[in-house]
Amino acid sequence: MSAKRAIYVPEEDGSKNFTIYFAGNVDILTRDALTVKTEQLKYSKKTEIADAEELVEFARHNLSGRSYGAIVSLKSNTLDLLK
């Protein structure tokens, strides 16, 4: 994952879990070549889920598209499109 800006918020329970809020040219590339691009995204280490509530562009091999809102599960390598 990469972005112009990020805010890191550690969990208060002492675990190694955290939430990161990304903003500006957010890019995700998964192990199986799924690319996701958006402007804002929230990532939770605890659930390994990244979610975006605005325009999302995605591509994998010969498939590509756009959606308004998406949930990316890095653990299961899935992309759920919301609208």
C-alpha atoms as a PDB file:
ATOM      1  CA  MET A   1       0.000   0.000   0.000  1.00  0.00           C
ATOM      2  CA  SER A   2       1.124   3.536  -0.665  1.00  0.00           C
ATOM      3  CA  ALA A   3      -0.345   7.041  -0.437  1.00  0.00           C
ATOM      4  CA  LYS A   4       0.681  10.688  -0.212  1.00  0.00           C
ATOM      5  CA  ARG A   5      -0.338  10.871   3.467  1.00  0.00           C
ATOM      6  CA  ALA A   6      -1.132   8.408   6.232  1.00  0.00           C
ATOM      7  CA  ILE A   7      -2.184   8.561   9.877  1.00  0.00           C
ATOM      8  CA  TYR A   8      -1.181   5.596  12.057  1.00  0.00           C
ATOM      9  CA  VAL A   9      -3.376   4.840  15.093  1.00  0.00           C
ATOM     10  CA  PRO A  10      -2.211   1.946  17.328  1.00  0.00           C
ATOM     11  CA  GLU A  11      -4.736  -0.154  19.253  1.00  0.00           C
ATOM     12  CA  GLU A  12      -4.905   0.793  22.936  1.00  0.00           C
ATOM     13  CA  ASP A  13      -5.053  -2.842  24.105  1.00  0.00           C
ATOM     14  CA  GLY A  14      -1.270  -3.319  23.844  1.00  0.00           C
ATOM     15  CA  SER A  15      -1.534  -5.621  20.830  1.00  0.00           C
ATOM     16  CA  LYS A  16       0.351  -5.093  17.578  1.00  0.00           C
ATOM     17  CA  ASN A  17      -2.892  -4.163  15.820  1.00  0.00           C
ATOM     18  CA  PHE A  18      -3.439  -0.724  14.337  1.00  0.00           C
ATOM     19  CA  THR A  19      -5.554   1.318  11.935  1.00  0.00           C
ATOM     20  CA  ILE A  20      -4.076   3.485   9.195  1.00  0.00           C
ATOM     21  CA  TYR A  21      -5.968   6.215   7.361  1.00  0.00           C
ATOM     22  CA  PHE A  22      -4.512   6.835   3.884  1.00  0.00           C
ATOM     23  CA  ALA A  23      -5.171   9.916   1.726  1.00  0.00           C
ATOM     24  CA  GLY A  24      -4.035  11.001  -1.733  1.00  0.00           C
ATOM     25  CA  ASN A  25      -3.202   8.615  -4.588  1.00  0.00           C
ATOM     26  CA  VAL A  26      -3.793   5.461  -2.555  1.00  0.00           C
ATOM     27  CA  ASP A  27      -2.522   2.307  -4.300  1.00  0.00           C
ATOM     28  CA  ILE A  28      -2.894  -1.312  -3.190  1.00  0.00           C
ATOM     29  CA  LEU A  29      -1.191  -4.248  -4.888  1.00  0.00           C
ATOM     30  CA  THR A  30      -2.034  -7.726  -3.542  1.00  0.00           C
ATOM     31  CA  ARG A  31       0.070 -10.889  -3.864  1.00  0.00           C
ATOM     32  CA  ASP A  32      -2.139 -12.131  -6.703  1.00  0.00           C
ATOM     33  CA  ALA A  33      -1.794  -8.960  -8.830  1.00  0.00           C
ATOM     34  CA  LEU A  34      -5.010  -7.171  -7.827  1.00  0.00           C
ATOM     35  CA  THR A  35      -4.445  -3.415  -8.029  1.00  0.00           C
ATOM     36  CA  VAL A  36      -6.797  -0.959  -6.351  1.00  0.00           C
ATOM     37  CA  LYS A  37      -6.566   2.845  -6.641  1.00  0.00           C
ATOM     38  CA  THR A  38      -8.566   5.459  -4.747  1.00  0.00           C
ATOM     39  CA  GLU A  39      -8.120   8.793  -2.966  1.00  0.00           C
ATOM     40  CA  GLN A  40      -8.934   7.773   0.643  1.00  0.00           C
ATOM     41  CA  LEU A  41      -8.802   4.453   2.429  1.00  0.00           C
ATOM     42  CA  LYS A  42      -8.896   2.990   5.946  1.00  0.00           C
ATOM     43  CA  TYR A  43      -6.852  -0.140   6.719  1.00  0.00           C
ATOM     44  CA  SER A  44      -7.219  -2.313   9.843  1.00  0.00           C
ATOM     45  CA  LYS A  45      -4.337  -4.668  10.660  1.00  0.00           C
ATOM     46  CA  LYS A  46      -6.607  -6.646  13.026  1.00  0.00           C
ATOM     47  CA  THR A  47      -9.019  -7.636  10.241  1.00  0.00           C
ATOM     48  CA  GLU A  48      -6.613  -7.132   7.303  1.00  0.00           C
ATOM     49  CA  ILE A  49      -9.392  -5.173   5.590  1.00  0.00           C
ATOM     50  CA  ALA A  50      -9.067  -1.928   3.670  1.00  0.00           C
ATOM     51  CA  ASP A  51     -12.219   0.004   2.867  1.00  0.00           C
ATOM     52  CA  ALA A  52     -12.922   3.009   0.688  1.00  0.00           C
ATOM     53  CA  GLU A  53     -16.129   5.015   0.479  1.00  0.00           C
ATOM     54  CA  GLU A  54     -15.484   6.918  -2.754  1.00  0.00           C
ATOM     55  CA  LEU A  55     -14.413   6.180  -6.342  1.00  0.00           C
ATOM     56  CA  VAL A  56     -12.267   3.053  -6.599  1.00  0.00           C
ATOM     57  CA  GLU A  57     -10.516   1.763  -9.720  1.00  0.00           C
ATOM     58  CA  PHE A  58      -9.388  -1.868  -9.809  1.00  0.00           C
ATOM     59  CA  ALA A  59      -7.643  -4.259 -12.175  1.00  0.00           C
ATOM     60  CA  ARG A  60      -6.391  -7.827 -12.229  1.00  0.00           C
ATOM     61  CA  HIS A  61      -5.019  -9.472 -15.355  1.00  0.00           C
ATOM     62  CA  ASN A  62      -7.592  -8.791 -18.137  1.00  0.00           C
ATOM     63  CA  LEU A  63     -10.374  -7.518 -15.820  1.00  0.00           C
ATOM     64  CA  SER A  64     -10.761  -3.894 -14.736  1.00  0.00           C
ATOM     65  CA  GLY A  65     -13.482  -1.539 -13.565  1.00  0.00           C
ATOM     66  CA  ARG A  66     -14.686   1.211 -11.256  1.00  0.00           C
ATOM     67  CA  SER A  67     -16.945   1.361  -8.235  1.00  0.00           C
ATOM     68  CA  TYR A  68     -18.107   3.870  -5.660  1.00  0.00           C
ATOM     69  CA  GLY A  69     -16.923   2.256  -2.475  1.00  0.00           C
ATOM     70  CA  ALA A  70     -15.138  -1.053  -2.004  1.00  0.00           C
ATOM     71  CA  ILE A  71     -13.821  -3.411   0.647  1.00  0.00           C
ATOM     72  CA  VAL A  72     -10.491  -5.153   0.041  1.00  0.00           C
ATOM     73  CA  SER A  73      -9.683  -8.205   2.162  1.00  0.00           C
ATOM     74  CA  LEU A  74      -5.930  -8.701   2.009  1.00  0.00           C
ATOM     75  CA  LYS A  75      -6.214 -11.988   3.912  1.00  0.00           C
ATOM     76  CA  SER A  76      -8.568 -13.625   1.396  1.00  0.00           C
ATOM     77  CA  ASN A  77      -7.527 -11.516  -1.641  1.00  0.00           C
ATOM     78  CA  THR A  78     -11.092 -10.440  -2.371  1.00  0.00           C
ATOM     79  CA  LEU A  79     -12.593  -7.171  -3.515  1.00  0.00           C
ATOM     80  CA  ASP A  80     -16.234  -6.384  -2.662  1.00  0.00           C
ATOM     81  CA  LEU A  81     -17.717  -3.573  -4.753  1.00  0.00           C
ATOM     82  CA  LEU A  82     -20.343  -1.465  -2.995  1.00  0.00           C
ATOM     83  CA  LYS A  83     -21.960   0.588  -5.802  1.00  0.00           C
END
